[in-house]
């Protein structure tokens, strides 16, 4: 992913195989349930006369204040953005190595790399909050930073309220699960990668057992189209976790897709591969609230 994104798109475009192949071979496994119809991504609302903005096509550094403290984040403004059209927005939450206060580490990984490589054509705003180093549970400050950054972008630009999307990797994916759980009607689609819900945080019980929150999460998110990605050899989040989450979502009547990479680990070789999947963006931007 550090190189040519377009070549990765070609390299990692994968064939859908049956669930019986889970964990074997060289192709990912997908569990499909109620997959929505796919349409071509676009800027969103009906165009009217509008004006361009000088930051179009660039990443802009901003801050958001939470509890009297200013925290950095970055927003990507689409190159074709004008004030005459409403646009979709994707909030992407970084992994543990993106934590800090420099306002830069969070855009050196994950979705931000795709957006950088496709800055001339990426069809949505991108919001990239940065979580401070040392933040641990309870994670109320982290949740507030991410939500406030997204709210600020929505208030600043012409964002389509029916096309707000959420994704996160590893540490950021866990955080994203909590955000989605607490705001189940906000996001048109949710893409968690290499992660699982934090049972203690969801249930508010410090001694919560593993997977004990999954039924509650599934029930809350049953109307949110989701696509989960995971590496079969992930040593930090066992592959049993996303499989169980998918099963819970299916039992709750949710719309869920699952891709498991048979040789994937808990590293860039899973989330970079996921974000280099062209079908992900076609599917995601087709979702509306």
Protein backbone atom coordinates (compact mmCIF):
# COMPACT_ATOMS: atom_id res chain seq x y z
CA UNK A 1 0.00 0.00 0.00
CA UNK A 2 2.97 2.22 0.40
CA UNK A 3 3.45 1.96 -3.39
CA UNK A 4 1.12 2.22 -6.34
CA UNK A 5 -2.47 1.80 -5.17
CA UNK A 6 -3.72 1.06 -8.64
CA UNK A 7 -1.41 -1.93 -8.97
CA UNK A 8 -2.63 -3.16 -5.59
CA UNK A 9 -6.21 -2.83 -6.78
CA UNK A 10 -5.36 -5.17 -9.63
CA UNK A 11 -3.34 -7.53 -7.44
CA UNK A 12 -5.89 -7.95 -4.67
CA UNK A 13 -9.17 -7.99 -6.62
CA UNK A 14 -10.42 -11.36 -5.30
CA UNK A 15 -12.86 -14.07 -6.30
CA UNK A 16 -15.77 -14.80 -3.95
CA UNK A 17 -15.60 -18.36 -2.63
CA UNK A 18 -17.88 -20.37 -0.37
CA UNK A 19 -17.75 -20.32 3.41
CA UNK A 20 -16.58 -23.92 3.35
CA UNK A 21 -13.19 -22.65 2.14
CA UNK A 22 -12.66 -20.54 5.26
CA UNK A 23 -9.03 -20.51 6.32
CA UNK A 24 -7.63 -22.39 3.35
CA UNK A 25 -6.12 -21.62 -0.03
CA UNK A 26 -5.05 -18.22 -1.25
CA UNK A 27 -8.42 -16.51 -1.79
CA UNK A 28 -10.46 -14.67 0.84
CA UNK A 29 -13.74 -16.05 2.10
CA UNK A 30 -16.88 -13.95 2.06
CA UNK A 31 -20.06 -14.56 4.03
CA UNK A 32 -22.88 -12.73 2.26
CA UNK A 33 -26.24 -11.90 3.78
CA UNK A 34 -28.73 -9.53 2.19
CA UNK A 35 -26.10 -7.66 0.17
CA UNK A 36 -27.62 -4.41 -1.19
CA UNK A 37 -27.68 -3.57 -4.89
CA UNK A 38 -24.50 -1.88 -6.07
CA UNK A 39 -24.55 1.43 -7.93
CA UNK A 40 -21.80 3.64 -9.26
CA UNK A 41 -20.27 5.98 -6.64
CA UNK A 42 -21.00 9.66 -7.12
CA UNK A 43 -20.81 12.96 -5.30
CA UNK A 44 -24.33 12.61 -3.99
CA UNK A 45 -27.03 15.29 -4.19
CA UNK A 46 -28.39 17.25 -7.11
CA UNK A 47 -25.95 19.84 -8.48
CA UNK A 48 -26.82 23.50 -8.33
CA UNK A 49 -24.75 26.60 -8.88
CA UNK A 50 -21.94 26.56 -6.35
CA UNK A 51 -18.42 27.73 -5.69
CA UNK A 52 -15.17 25.83 -5.34
CA UNK A 53 -12.99 26.02 -2.24
CA UNK A 54 -9.21 26.52 -2.26
CA UNK A 55 -8.56 23.36 -0.25
CA UNK A 56 -10.28 21.07 -2.79
CA UNK A 57 -8.19 17.99 -3.53
CA UNK A 58 -6.03 18.33 -0.41
CA UNK A 59 -5.73 17.18 3.19
CA UNK A 60 -6.38 20.04 5.58
CA UNK A 61 -5.13 20.09 9.18
CA UNK A 62 -7.73 21.13 11.71
CA UNK A 63 -8.27 20.92 15.45
CA UNK A 64 -11.29 20.13 17.53
CA UNK A 65 -11.68 21.12 21.18
CA UNK A 66 -12.82 18.56 23.74
CA UNK A 67 -12.81 19.35 27.44
CA UNK A 68 -10.93 22.56 26.79
CA UNK A 69 -8.09 20.79 24.95
CA UNK A 70 -7.43 21.15 21.21
CA UNK A 71 -6.84 17.86 19.38
CA UNK A 72 -5.58 17.61 15.78
CA UNK A 73 -7.29 15.86 12.91
CA UNK A 74 -7.17 16.02 9.14
CA UNK A 75 -9.94 16.29 6.59
CA UNK A 76 -9.63 15.42 2.92
CA UNK A 77 -11.68 17.69 0.65
CA UNK A 78 -12.58 16.07 -2.72
CA UNK A 79 -10.98 17.68 -5.76
CA UNK A 80 -14.36 18.16 -7.46
CA UNK A 81 -16.06 19.61 -4.39
CA UNK A 82 -18.21 22.69 -4.82
CA UNK A 83 -20.82 24.19 -2.53
CA UNK A 84 -23.52 23.35 -5.06
CA UNK A 85 -23.56 19.60 -4.32
CA UNK A 86 -23.83 17.52 -1.18
CA UNK A 87 -21.08 14.94 -0.72
CA UNK A 88 -20.57 11.69 1.20
CA UNK A 89 -18.06 11.52 4.04
CA UNK A 90 -16.00 8.64 5.45
CA UNK A 91 -14.55 8.78 8.95
CA UNK A 92 -11.53 6.46 9.27
CA UNK A 93 -10.06 5.63 12.68
CA UNK A 94 -6.39 4.67 12.81
CA UNK A 95 -4.59 1.77 14.44
CA UNK A 96 -2.50 2.02 17.59
CA UNK A 97 0.59 3.33 15.81
CA UNK A 98 -1.31 6.41 14.68
CA UNK A 99 -1.75 7.73 18.21
CA UNK A 100 -0.08 11.01 19.12
CA UNK A 101 -0.45 14.77 18.90
CA UNK A 102 1.40 15.64 15.69
CA UNK A 103 -1.69 15.51 13.49
CA UNK A 104 0.21 13.39 10.93
CA UNK A 105 0.69 9.80 12.10
CA UNK A 106 -2.98 8.93 11.61
CA UNK A 107 -2.78 9.63 7.87
CA UNK A 108 0.26 7.41 7.33
CA UNK A 109 -1.82 4.23 7.33
CA UNK A 110 -5.05 2.62 6.25
CA UNK A 111 -7.65 4.44 4.20
CA UNK A 112 -5.66 7.69 4.17
CA UNK A 113 -3.06 6.06 1.88
CA UNK A 114 -5.74 5.20 -0.67
CA UNK A 115 -7.15 8.71 -0.51
CA UNK A 116 -3.69 10.24 -1.00
CA UNK A 117 -3.00 8.05 -4.02
CA UNK A 118 -6.42 8.80 -5.52
CA UNK A 119 -6.71 12.43 -4.42
CA UNK A 120 -7.78 13.63 -7.87
CA UNK A 121 -10.74 11.26 -8.04
CA UNK A 122 -11.64 10.01 -4.55
CA UNK A 123 -15.41 10.67 -4.42
CA UNK A 124 -15.90 11.57 -0.77
CA UNK A 125 -14.66 13.62 2.14
CA UNK A 126 -12.32 11.81 4.51
CA UNK A 127 -12.14 12.55 8.23
CA UNK A 128 -9.04 11.32 10.08
CA UNK A 129 -9.08 12.05 13.83
CA UNK A 130 -5.96 11.38 15.90
CA UNK A 131 -6.23 9.73 19.28
CA UNK A 132 -3.71 10.95 21.91
CA UNK A 133 -0.91 8.62 23.00
CA UNK A 134 -1.59 6.80 26.24
CA UNK A 135 -5.39 6.84 25.96
CA UNK A 136 -6.89 3.68 27.44
CA UNK A 137 -10.24 2.52 28.81
CA UNK A 138 -12.62 4.09 29.57
CA UNK A 139 -12.35 5.75 26.19
CA UNK A 140 -14.76 8.64 26.48
CA UNK A 141 -12.14 11.18 25.39
CA UNK A 142 -11.36 9.15 22.26
CA UNK A 143 -15.03 8.83 21.39
CA UNK A 144 -15.57 12.56 21.89
CA UNK A 145 -12.58 13.52 19.72
CA UNK A 146 -13.67 11.36 16.80
CA UNK A 147 -17.31 12.37 16.95
CA UNK A 148 -16.50 16.07 17.32
CA UNK A 149 -14.15 15.97 14.31
CA UNK A 150 -16.85 14.41 12.14
CA UNK A 151 -19.45 16.87 13.42
CA UNK A 152 -17.16 19.80 12.60
CA UNK A 153 -16.66 18.61 9.01
CA UNK A 154 -20.40 18.10 8.58
CA UNK A 155 -21.01 21.64 9.84
CA UNK A 156 -18.27 23.16 7.65
CA UNK A 157 -18.98 21.56 4.28
CA UNK A 158 -22.04 20.43 2.34
CA UNK A 159 -22.23 16.83 3.55
CA UNK A 160 -25.07 14.49 2.62
CA UNK A 161 -26.55 13.40 5.99
CA UNK A 162 -27.72 10.14 4.42
CA UNK A 163 -24.22 9.17 3.30
CA UNK A 164 -21.95 9.22 6.32
CA UNK A 165 -19.68 6.15 6.52
CA UNK A 166 -17.45 4.70 9.24
CA UNK A 167 -14.38 2.47 9.16
CA UNK A 168 -11.51 1.62 11.47
CA UNK A 169 -8.52 -0.69 11.77
CA UNK A 170 -7.35 -2.59 14.85
CA UNK A 171 -7.42 -0.15 17.80
CA UNK A 172 -9.48 2.28 15.71
CA UNK A 173 -11.86 -0.47 14.67
CA UNK A 174 -12.64 -1.25 18.29
CA UNK A 175 -13.36 2.44 18.85
CA UNK A 176 -15.48 2.52 15.70
CA UNK A 177 -17.63 -0.33 16.98
CA UNK A 178 -18.47 1.70 20.08
CA UNK A 179 -19.26 4.81 18.02
CA UNK A 180 -21.51 2.81 15.71
CA UNK A 181 -23.21 1.10 18.66
CA UNK A 182 -23.95 4.43 20.32
CA UNK A 183 -25.14 6.07 17.09
CA UNK A 184 -26.76 3.20 15.16
CA UNK A 185 -28.84 5.46 12.91
CA UNK A 186 -26.04 7.80 11.84
CA UNK A 187 -23.92 5.75 9.45
CA UNK A 188 -24.98 4.42 6.07
CA UNK A 189 -22.31 1.69 6.21
CA UNK A 190 -19.65 0.44 8.61
CA UNK A 191 -16.37 -1.32 7.69
CA UNK A 192 -14.45 -2.73 10.71
CA UNK A 193 -11.07 -4.30 9.90
CA UNK A 194 -8.90 -6.53 12.13
CA UNK A 195 -10.93 -5.82 15.26
CA UNK A 196 -13.94 -6.70 17.39
CA UNK A 197 -16.24 -4.87 19.82
CA UNK A 198 -14.87 -4.08 23.29
CA UNK A 199 -17.22 -6.10 25.49
CA UNK A 200 -16.48 -4.15 28.68
CA UNK A 201 -16.99 -0.82 26.96
CA UNK A 202 -20.21 -1.82 25.22
CA UNK A 203 -21.78 -3.38 28.31
CA UNK A 204 -20.22 -1.08 30.91
CA UNK A 205 -19.07 -4.11 32.89
CA UNK A 206 -15.34 -4.38 33.56
CA UNK A 207 -15.55 -8.16 33.95
CA UNK A 208 -17.55 -8.76 30.78
CA UNK A 209 -16.78 -12.09 29.15
CA UNK A 210 -15.42 -12.32 25.62
CA UNK A 211 -18.15 -11.98 22.96
CA UNK A 212 -20.77 -11.19 25.63
CA UNK A 213 -21.59 -7.87 23.94
CA UNK A 214 -22.00 -9.31 20.45
CA UNK A 215 -25.78 -9.89 20.61
CA UNK A 216 -26.36 -6.31 21.80
CA UNK A 217 -24.05 -4.89 19.11
CA UNK A 218 -25.72 -7.00 16.43
CA UNK A 219 -29.17 -5.90 17.51
CA UNK A 220 -28.17 -2.23 17.51
CA UNK A 221 -26.44 -2.47 14.11
CA UNK A 222 -28.86 -4.80 12.35
CA UNK A 223 -29.97 -2.00 10.00
CA UNK A 224 -26.41 -0.82 9.22
CA UNK A 225 -24.83 -2.52 6.17
CA UNK A 226 -21.47 -3.89 7.32
CA UNK A 227 -18.44 -5.42 5.63
CA UNK A 228 -15.92 -7.00 8.00
CA UNK A 229 -12.33 -7.85 6.96
CA UNK A 230 -9.94 -10.03 8.96
CA UNK A 231 -6.73 -12.02 8.63
CA UNK A 232 -6.94 -15.73 9.41
CA UNK A 233 -3.62 -15.60 11.28
CA UNK A 234 -4.37 -12.48 13.35
CA UNK A 235 -2.67 -13.06 16.71
CA UNK A 236 -4.18 -9.99 18.40
CA UNK A 237 -7.84 -10.49 17.52
CA UNK A 238 -8.63 -14.17 17.03
CA UNK A 239 -10.44 -14.97 13.81
CA UNK A 240 -13.16 -16.48 16.00
CA UNK A 241 -14.22 -12.93 16.96
CA UNK A 242 -15.28 -11.58 13.54
CA UNK A 243 -16.82 -14.95 12.68
CA UNK A 244 -18.92 -14.77 15.84
CA UNK A 245 -19.82 -11.14 15.12
CA UNK A 246 -20.98 -12.09 11.62
CA UNK A 247 -23.07 -14.93 13.04
CA UNK A 248 -24.66 -12.58 15.58
CA UNK A 249 -25.45 -10.01 12.87
CA UNK A 250 -26.99 -12.67 10.65
CA UNK A 251 -29.10 -13.93 13.56
CA UNK A 252 -30.29 -10.37 14.18
CA UNK A 253 -31.31 -9.99 10.53
CA UNK A 254 -28.44 -7.68 9.66
CA UNK A 255 -26.89 -6.99 6.25
CA UNK A 256 -23.33 -8.24 6.48
CA UNK A 257 -20.40 -9.20 4.26
CA UNK A 258 -17.27 -10.86 5.59
CA UNK A 259 -13.87 -11.25 3.91
CA UNK A 260 -11.22 -13.38 5.59
CA UNK A 261 -7.67 -13.46 4.20
CA UNK A 262 -6.22 -16.98 4.70
CA UNK A 263 -2.65 -15.71 5.11
CA UNK A 264 -3.50 -12.35 6.68
CA UNK A 265 -2.04 -11.29 10.02
CA UNK A 266 -2.65 -8.35 12.33
CA UNK A 267 -0.76 -5.90 10.15
CA UNK A 268 -0.79 -3.85 6.98
CA UNK A 269 -1.04 -7.00 4.89
CA UNK A 270 -4.68 -7.26 6.00
CA UNK A 271 -5.95 -3.69 6.17
CA UNK A 272 -4.00 -2.44 3.18
CA UNK A 273 -5.36 -5.36 1.17
CA UNK A 274 -8.89 -4.60 2.36
CA UNK A 275 -8.66 -0.92 1.46
CA UNK A 276 -7.21 -1.85 -1.95
CA UNK A 277 -10.41 -3.72 -2.82
CA UNK A 278 -12.25 -1.72 -5.52
CA UNK A 279 -15.58 -3.41 -4.77
CA UNK A 280 -15.44 -2.03 -1.24
CA UNK A 281 -15.91 1.53 -2.47
CA UNK A 282 -18.57 0.64 -5.02
CA UNK A 283 -20.50 -1.13 -2.28
CA UNK A 284 -19.93 1.50 0.41
CA UNK A 285 -20.87 4.57 -1.60
CA UNK A 286 -24.03 2.82 -2.82
CA UNK A 287 -25.39 2.72 0.75
CA UNK A 288 -27.78 5.42 1.96
CA UNK A 289 -29.63 5.91 5.23
